[in-house]
Amino acid sequence: MNKDKKTKKQAVKKQQIIEAGTRMIVQKGIEKTSLADIAEEAGISKGSLYYYYASKNELIFDITDAHINQISDNLFAIIEDSKGSMNWQELLKILFERILDADTRGRLHLYLIQQALNDNEDLKDRFRKKYQEWKQMIIDGFSMLEPKISSHDVLSALIIAALDGFLIQSLLELETITADEFVSHLDIKIKG
């Protein structure tokens, strides 16, 4: 087998392992998920899993990267797709609805943040960097859509905090406000 095919096959297998790990973590949580569980879910032997990941932490890093990159790609796509075609209120509604509708992603996000806050400085650093990137993406999006607003950085921090808060409320099955209600209240504060 040539080197390119082997590399591609390994990338596909790693992706299968990441997806299996994601499913198991969403189902059982990080602490209760073992590498044996992940190997079984991926349909491979534990030895094969160790070929790709020497430790659970290494796999969690890749799951975290895949998760964070998916959120970033989604956010970037929403902002890019909206260039000039919608206002910030419509853009924000779409963002909230997509994130809050993704129950599996939400659970994974919270489990990974919990792990980062408990004892994993490397994960904490990854989340810290990505939250800064997300904040900047939102600032850039607001700057493009509403250049007259002077507090883009405050608004982006509020939006990220609100998304995390609404996600927690949604997973706890608490009654939350809708994206429309949130955006209309935010609009009042911005214009007020």
C-alpha atoms as a PDB file:
ATOM      1  CA  MET A   1       0.000   0.000   0.000  1.00  0.00           C
ATOM      2  CA  ASN A   2       1.473   3.368  -0.928  1.00  0.00           C
ATOM      3  CA  LYS A   3       2.089   5.996   1.724  1.00  0.00           C
ATOM      4  CA  ASP A   4      -0.822   8.295   0.696  1.00  0.00           C
ATOM      5  CA  LYS A   5      -3.360   5.468   0.860  1.00  0.00           C
ATOM      6  CA  LYS A   6      -2.024   4.344   4.235  1.00  0.00           C
ATOM      7  CA  THR A   7      -2.159   7.894   5.603  1.00  0.00           C
ATOM      8  CA  LYS A   8      -5.709   8.341   4.303  1.00  0.00           C
ATOM      9  CA  LYS A   9      -6.801   4.997   5.774  1.00  0.00           C
ATOM     10  CA  GLN A  10      -5.296   5.972   9.148  1.00  0.00           C
ATOM     11  CA  ALA A  11      -7.085   9.340   9.047  1.00  0.00           C
ATOM     12  CA  VAL A  12     -10.396   7.593   8.342  1.00  0.00           C
ATOM     13  CA  LYS A  13      -9.824   5.156  11.209  1.00  0.00           C
ATOM     14  CA  LYS A  14      -8.911   8.011  13.577  1.00  0.00           C
ATOM     15  CA  GLN A  15     -12.095   9.814  12.589  1.00  0.00           C
ATOM     16  CA  GLN A  16     -14.113   6.662  13.327  1.00  0.00           C
ATOM     17  CA  ILE A  17     -12.479   6.442  16.746  1.00  0.00           C
ATOM     18  CA  ILE A  18     -13.169  10.125  17.454  1.00  0.00           C
ATOM     19  CA  GLU A  19     -16.816   9.677  16.466  1.00  0.00           C
ATOM     20  CA  ALA A  20     -17.134   6.550  18.611  1.00  0.00           C
ATOM     21  CA  GLY A  21     -15.477   8.348  21.526  1.00  0.00           C
ATOM     22  CA  THR A  22     -17.827  11.278  21.098  1.00  0.00           C
ATOM     23  CA  ARG A  23     -20.881   9.010  21.162  1.00  0.00           C
ATOM     24  CA  MET A  24     -19.667   7.201  24.278  1.00  0.00           C
ATOM     25  CA  ILE A  25     -18.809  10.423  26.123  1.00  0.00           C
ATOM     26  CA  VAL A  26     -22.205  11.910  25.301  1.00  0.00           C
ATOM     27  CA  GLN A  27     -23.850   8.697  26.488  1.00  0.00           C
ATOM     28  CA  LYS A  28     -21.802   7.985  29.639  1.00  0.00           C
ATOM     29  CA  GLY A  29     -19.705  11.056  30.427  1.00  0.00           C
ATOM     30  CA  ILE A  30     -15.917  11.293  30.308  1.00  0.00           C
ATOM     31  CA  GLU A  31     -15.148   9.627  33.625  1.00  0.00           C
ATOM     32  CA  LYS A  32     -17.358   6.591  32.987  1.00  0.00           C
ATOM     33  CA  THR A  33     -16.134   6.052  29.425  1.00  0.00           C
ATOM     34  CA  SER A  34     -13.193   3.685  29.076  1.00  0.00           C
ATOM     35  CA  LEU A  35     -10.919   3.080  26.115  1.00  0.00           C
ATOM     36  CA  ALA A  36     -12.395  -0.432  25.973  1.00  0.00           C
ATOM     37  CA  ASP A  37     -15.880   1.125  25.580  1.00  0.00           C
ATOM     38  CA  ILE A  38     -14.623   3.324  22.771  1.00  0.00           C
ATOM     39  CA  ALA A  39     -12.834   0.444  21.012  1.00  0.00           C
ATOM     40  CA  GLU A  40     -16.004  -1.652  21.159  1.00  0.00           C
ATOM     41  CA  GLU A  41     -18.132   1.241  19.850  1.00  0.00           C
ATOM     42  CA  ALA A  42     -15.625   1.812  17.018  1.00  0.00           C
ATOM     43  CA  GLY A  43     -15.652  -1.907  16.159  1.00  0.00           C
ATOM     44  CA  ILE A  44     -11.921  -2.369  16.724  1.00  0.00           C
ATOM     45  CA  SER A  45      -9.760  -4.138  19.284  1.00  0.00           C
ATOM     46  CA  LYS A  46      -8.359  -2.279  22.257  1.00  0.00           C
ATOM     47  CA  GLY A  47      -4.878  -2.957  20.837  1.00  0.00           C
ATOM     48  CA  SER A  48      -5.848  -1.261  17.574  1.00  0.00           C
ATOM     49  CA  LEU A  49      -7.132   1.706  19.541  1.00  0.00           C
ATOM     50  CA  TYR A  50      -3.774   1.984  21.330  1.00  0.00           C
ATOM     51  CA  TYR A  51      -2.079   2.132  17.923  1.00  0.00           C
ATOM     52  CA  TYR A  52      -3.870   5.442  17.348  1.00  0.00           C
ATOM     53  CA  TYR A  53      -4.167   6.713  20.925  1.00  0.00           C
ATOM     54  CA  ALA A  54      -1.736   5.835  23.707  1.00  0.00           C
ATOM     55  CA  SER A  55      -4.017   7.350  26.346  1.00  0.00           C
ATOM     56  CA  LYS A  56      -7.561   8.474  26.938  1.00  0.00           C
ATOM     57  CA  ASN A  57      -6.301  12.053  27.312  1.00  0.00           C
ATOM     58  CA  GLU A  58      -4.866  12.039  23.786  1.00  0.00           C
ATOM     59  CA  LEU A  59      -8.218  10.912  22.434  1.00  0.00           C
ATOM     60  CA  ILE A  60     -10.061  13.519  24.495  1.00  0.00           C
ATOM     61  CA  PHE A  61      -7.776  16.205  23.003  1.00  0.00           C
ATOM     62  CA  ASP A  62      -8.709  15.111  19.479  1.00  0.00           C
ATOM     63  CA  ILE A  63     -12.412  14.902  20.384  1.00  0.00           C
ATOM     64  CA  THR A  64     -12.147  18.408  21.863  1.00  0.00           C
ATOM     65  CA  ASP A  65     -10.411  19.744  18.753  1.00  0.00           C
ATOM     66  CA  ALA A  66     -13.023  18.181  16.468  1.00  0.00           C
ATOM     67  CA  HIS A  67     -15.856  19.560  18.609  1.00  0.00           C
ATOM     68  CA  ILE A  68     -14.410  23.059  18.890  1.00  0.00           C
ATOM     69  CA  ASN A  69     -13.548  23.176  15.187  1.00  0.00           C
ATOM     70  CA  GLN A  70     -17.093  22.165  14.275  1.00  0.00           C
ATOM     71  CA  ILE A  71     -18.514  25.015  16.386  1.00  0.00           C
ATOM     72  CA  SER A  72     -16.005  27.455  14.881  1.00  0.00           C
ATOM     73  CA  ASP A  73     -16.763  26.297  11.338  1.00  0.00           C
ATOM     74  CA  ASN A  74     -20.495  26.605  12.017  1.00  0.00           C
ATOM     75  CA  LEU A  75     -20.104  30.117  13.430  1.00  0.00           C
ATOM     76  CA  PHE A  76     -17.854  31.199  10.564  1.00  0.00           C
ATOM     77  CA  ALA A  77     -20.267  29.741   7.983  1.00  0.00           C
ATOM     78  CA  ILE A  78     -23.202  31.598   9.535  1.00  0.00           C
ATOM     79  CA  ILE A  79     -21.286  34.889   9.457  1.00  0.00           C
ATOM     80  CA  GLU A  80     -19.961  34.298   5.923  1.00  0.00           C
ATOM     81  CA  ASP A  81     -23.355  33.268   4.549  1.00  0.00           C
ATOM     82  CA  SER A  82     -24.949  36.409   5.932  1.00  0.00           C
ATOM     83  CA  LYS A  83     -22.642  38.976   4.332  1.00  0.00           C
ATOM     84  CA  GLY A  84     -25.023  41.771   3.572  1.00  0.00           C
ATOM     85  CA  SER A  85     -28.066  39.528   3.291  1.00  0.00           C
ATOM     86  CA  MET A  86     -29.354  39.727   6.861  1.00  0.00           C
ATOM     87  CA  ASN A  87     -29.124  41.950   9.901  1.00  0.00           C
ATOM     88  CA  TRP A  88     -27.424  41.022  13.153  1.00  0.00           C
ATOM     89  CA  GLN A  89     -30.737  40.096  14.794  1.00  0.00           C
ATOM     90  CA  GLU A  90     -31.479  37.443  12.157  1.00  0.00           C
ATOM     91  CA  LEU A  91     -27.900  36.198  12.309  1.00  0.00           C
ATOM     92  CA  LEU A  92     -28.024  35.846  16.087  1.00  0.00           C
ATOM     93  CA  LYS A  93     -31.349  33.984  15.959  1.00  0.00           C
ATOM     94  CA  ILE A  94     -29.864  31.444  13.535  1.00  0.00           C
ATOM     95  CA  LEU A  95     -26.778  31.012  15.717  1.00  0.00           C
ATOM     96  CA  PHE A  96     -28.853  30.412  18.862  1.00  0.00           C
ATOM     97  CA  GLU A  97     -31.244  28.023  17.179  1.00  0.00           C
ATOM     98  CA  ARG A  98     -28.463  25.908  15.660  1.00  0.00           C
ATOM     99  CA  ILE A  99     -26.515  25.638  18.885  1.00  0.00           C
ATOM    100  CA  LEU A 100     -29.504  24.968  21.117  1.00  0.00           C
ATOM    101  CA  ASP A 101     -30.970  22.398  18.725  1.00  0.00           C
ATOM    102  CA  ALA A 102     -27.771  20.328  18.791  1.00  0.00           C
ATOM    103  CA  ASP A 103     -28.455  18.307  21.958  1.00  0.00           C
ATOM    104  CA  THR A 104     -25.601  15.847  21.393  1.00  0.00           C
ATOM    105  CA  ARG A 105     -23.094  18.624  20.726  1.00  0.00           C
ATOM    106  CA  GLY A 106     -24.336  20.470  23.802  1.00  0.00           C
ATOM    107  CA  ARG A 107     -23.803  17.501  26.076  1.00  0.00           C
ATOM    108  CA  LEU A 108     -20.337  16.942  24.656  1.00  0.00           C
ATOM    109  CA  HIS A 109     -19.491  20.628  25.077  1.00  0.00           C
ATOM    110  CA  LEU A 110     -20.463  20.583  28.747  1.00  0.00           C
ATOM    111  CA  TYR A 111     -18.638  17.322  29.484  1.00  0.00           C
ATOM    112  CA  LEU A 112     -15.464  18.666  27.874  1.00  0.00           C
ATOM    113  CA  ILE A 113     -15.691  21.978  29.722  1.00  0.00           C
ATOM    114  CA  GLN A 114     -16.244  20.101  32.989  1.00  0.00           C
ATOM    115  CA  GLN A 115     -13.121  18.049  32.301  1.00  0.00           C
ATOM    116  CA  ALA A 116     -11.167  21.208  31.466  1.00  0.00           C
ATOM    117  CA  LEU A 117     -12.294  22.941  34.654  1.00  0.00           C
ATOM    118  CA  ASN A 118     -11.652  19.952  36.899  1.00  0.00           C
ATOM    119  CA  ASP A 119      -8.072  19.043  36.262  1.00  0.00           C
ATOM    120  CA  ASN A 120      -7.007  19.299  32.679  1.00  0.00           C
ATOM    121  CA  GLU A 121      -4.948  22.424  32.032  1.00  0.00           C
ATOM    122  CA  ASP A 122      -4.294  21.486  28.400  1.00  0.00           C
ATOM    123  CA  LEU A 123      -8.028  21.306  27.659  1.00  0.00           C
ATOM    124  CA  LYS A 124      -8.585  24.513  29.615  1.00  0.00           C
ATOM    125  CA  ASP A 125      -6.005  26.281  27.421  1.00  0.00           C
ATOM    126  CA  ARG A 126      -7.632  24.934  24.246  1.00  0.00           C
ATOM    127  CA  PHE A 127     -11.045  26.186  25.337  1.00  0.00           C
ATOM    128  CA  ARG A 128      -9.608  29.543  26.427  1.00  0.00           C
ATOM    129  CA  LYS A 129      -8.025  30.064  23.001  1.00  0.00           C
ATOM    130  CA  LYS A 130     -11.130  28.977  21.115  1.00  0.00           C
ATOM    131  CA  TYR A 131     -13.434  31.168  23.212  1.00  0.00           C
ATOM    132  CA  GLN A 132     -11.190  34.111  22.316  1.00  0.00           C
ATOM    133  CA  GLU A 133     -11.427  33.150  18.625  1.00  0.00           C
ATOM    134  CA  TRP A 134     -15.229  32.844  18.864  1.00  0.00           C
ATOM    135  CA  LYS A 135     -15.407  36.212  20.599  1.00  0.00           C
ATOM    136  CA  GLN A 136     -13.320  37.790  17.825  1.00  0.00           C
ATOM    137  CA  MET A 137     -15.459  36.180  15.114  1.00  0.00           C
ATOM    138  CA  ILE A 138     -18.586  37.641  16.716  1.00  0.00           C
ATOM    139  CA  ILE A 139     -16.910  41.053  17.102  1.00  0.00           C
ATOM    140  CA  ASP A 140     -15.936  40.971  13.423  1.00  0.00           C
ATOM    141  CA  GLY A 141     -19.448  39.918  12.431  1.00  0.00           C
ATOM    142  CA  PHE A 142     -21.054  42.711  14.472  1.00  0.00           C
ATOM    143  CA  SER A 143     -18.538  45.243  13.139  1.00  0.00           C
ATOM    144  CA  MET A 144     -19.494  44.283   9.607  1.00  0.00           C
ATOM    145  CA  LEU A 145     -23.259  44.307  10.212  1.00  0.00           C
ATOM    146  CA  GLU A 146     -23.557  47.141  12.750  1.00  0.00           C
ATOM    147  CA  PRO A 147     -20.533  49.462  12.509  1.00  0.00           C
ATOM    148  CA  LYS A 148     -22.284  52.159  14.591  1.00  0.00           C
ATOM    149  CA  ILE A 149     -22.353  49.989  17.720  1.00  0.00           C
ATOM    150  CA  SER A 150     -19.343  50.814  19.875  1.00  0.00           C
ATOM    151  CA  SER A 151     -19.418  47.893  22.316  1.00  0.00           C
ATOM    152  CA  HIS A 152     -18.793  44.927  20.023  1.00  0.00           C
ATOM    153  CA  ASP A 153     -16.496  43.194  22.527  1.00  0.00           C
ATOM    154  CA  VAL A 154     -19.046  43.458  25.359  1.00  0.00           C
ATOM    155  CA  LEU A 155     -21.815  42.179  23.091  1.00  0.00           C
ATOM    156  CA  SER A 156     -19.748  39.219  21.927  1.00  0.00           C
ATOM    157  CA  ALA A 157     -18.895  38.259  25.523  1.00  0.00           C
ATOM    158  CA  LEU A 158     -22.599  38.479  26.463  1.00  0.00           C
ATOM    159  CA  ILE A 159     -23.619  36.372  23.477  1.00  0.00           C
ATOM    160  CA  ILE A 160     -21.122  33.611  24.285  1.00  0.00           C
ATOM    161  CA  ALA A 161     -22.127  33.621  27.959  1.00  0.00           C
ATOM    162  CA  ALA A 162     -25.808  33.526  27.001  1.00  0.00           C
ATOM    163  CA  LEU A 163     -25.242  30.629  24.599  1.00  0.00           C
ATOM    164  CA  ASP A 164     -23.494  28.591  27.290  1.00  0.00           C
ATOM    165  CA  GLY A 165     -26.192  29.489  29.818  1.00  0.00           C
ATOM    166  CA  PHE A 166     -29.062  28.640  27.484  1.00  0.00           C
ATOM    167  CA  LEU A 167     -27.325  25.395  26.579  1.00  0.00           C
ATOM    168  CA  ILE A 168     -27.147  24.390  30.238  1.00  0.00           C
ATOM    169  CA  GLN A 169     -30.785  25.337  30.771  1.00  0.00           C
ATOM    170  CA  SER A 170     -31.818  23.381  27.694  1.00  0.00           C
ATOM    171  CA  LEU A 171     -29.952  20.255  28.821  1.00  0.00           C
ATOM    172  CA  LEU A 172     -31.526  20.558  32.277  1.00  0.00           C
ATOM    173  CA  GLU A 173     -34.861  20.775  30.457  1.00  0.00           C
ATOM    174  CA  LEU A 174     -35.667  24.113  32.028  1.00  0.00           C
ATOM    175  CA  GLU A 175     -38.028  26.483  30.330  1.00  0.00           C
ATOM    176  CA  THR A 176     -35.936  29.073  28.528  1.00  0.00           C
ATOM    177  CA  ILE A 177     -36.638  32.141  26.500  1.00  0.00           C
ATOM    178  CA  THR A 178     -36.653  31.819  22.734  1.00  0.00           C
ATOM    179  CA  ALA A 179     -34.005  33.147  20.398  1.00  0.00           C
ATOM    180  CA  ASP A 180     -36.512  35.814  19.310  1.00  0.00           C
ATOM    181  CA  GLU A 181     -37.042  36.972  22.899  1.00  0.00           C
ATOM    182  CA  PHE A 182     -33.313  37.087  23.602  1.00  0.00           C
ATOM    183  CA  VAL A 183     -32.537  39.035  20.443  1.00  0.00           C
ATOM    184  CA  SER A 184     -35.376  41.530  20.982  1.00  0.00           C
ATOM    185  CA  HIS A 185     -34.195  42.226  24.553  1.00  0.00           C
ATOM    186  CA  LEU A 186     -30.601  42.578  23.384  1.00  0.00           C
ATOM    187  CA  ASP A 187     -31.774  44.948  20.631  1.00  0.00           C
ATOM    188  CA  ILE A 188     -33.528  47.143  23.206  1.00  0.00           C
ATOM    189  CA  LYS A 189     -30.319  47.347  25.259  1.00  0.00           C
ATOM    190  CA  ILE A 190     -28.213  48.195  22.196  1.00  0.00           C
ATOM    191  CA  LYS A 191     -30.571  50.879  20.939  1.00  0.00           C
ATOM    192  CA  GLY A 192     -31.472  52.119  24.418  1.00  0.00           C
END
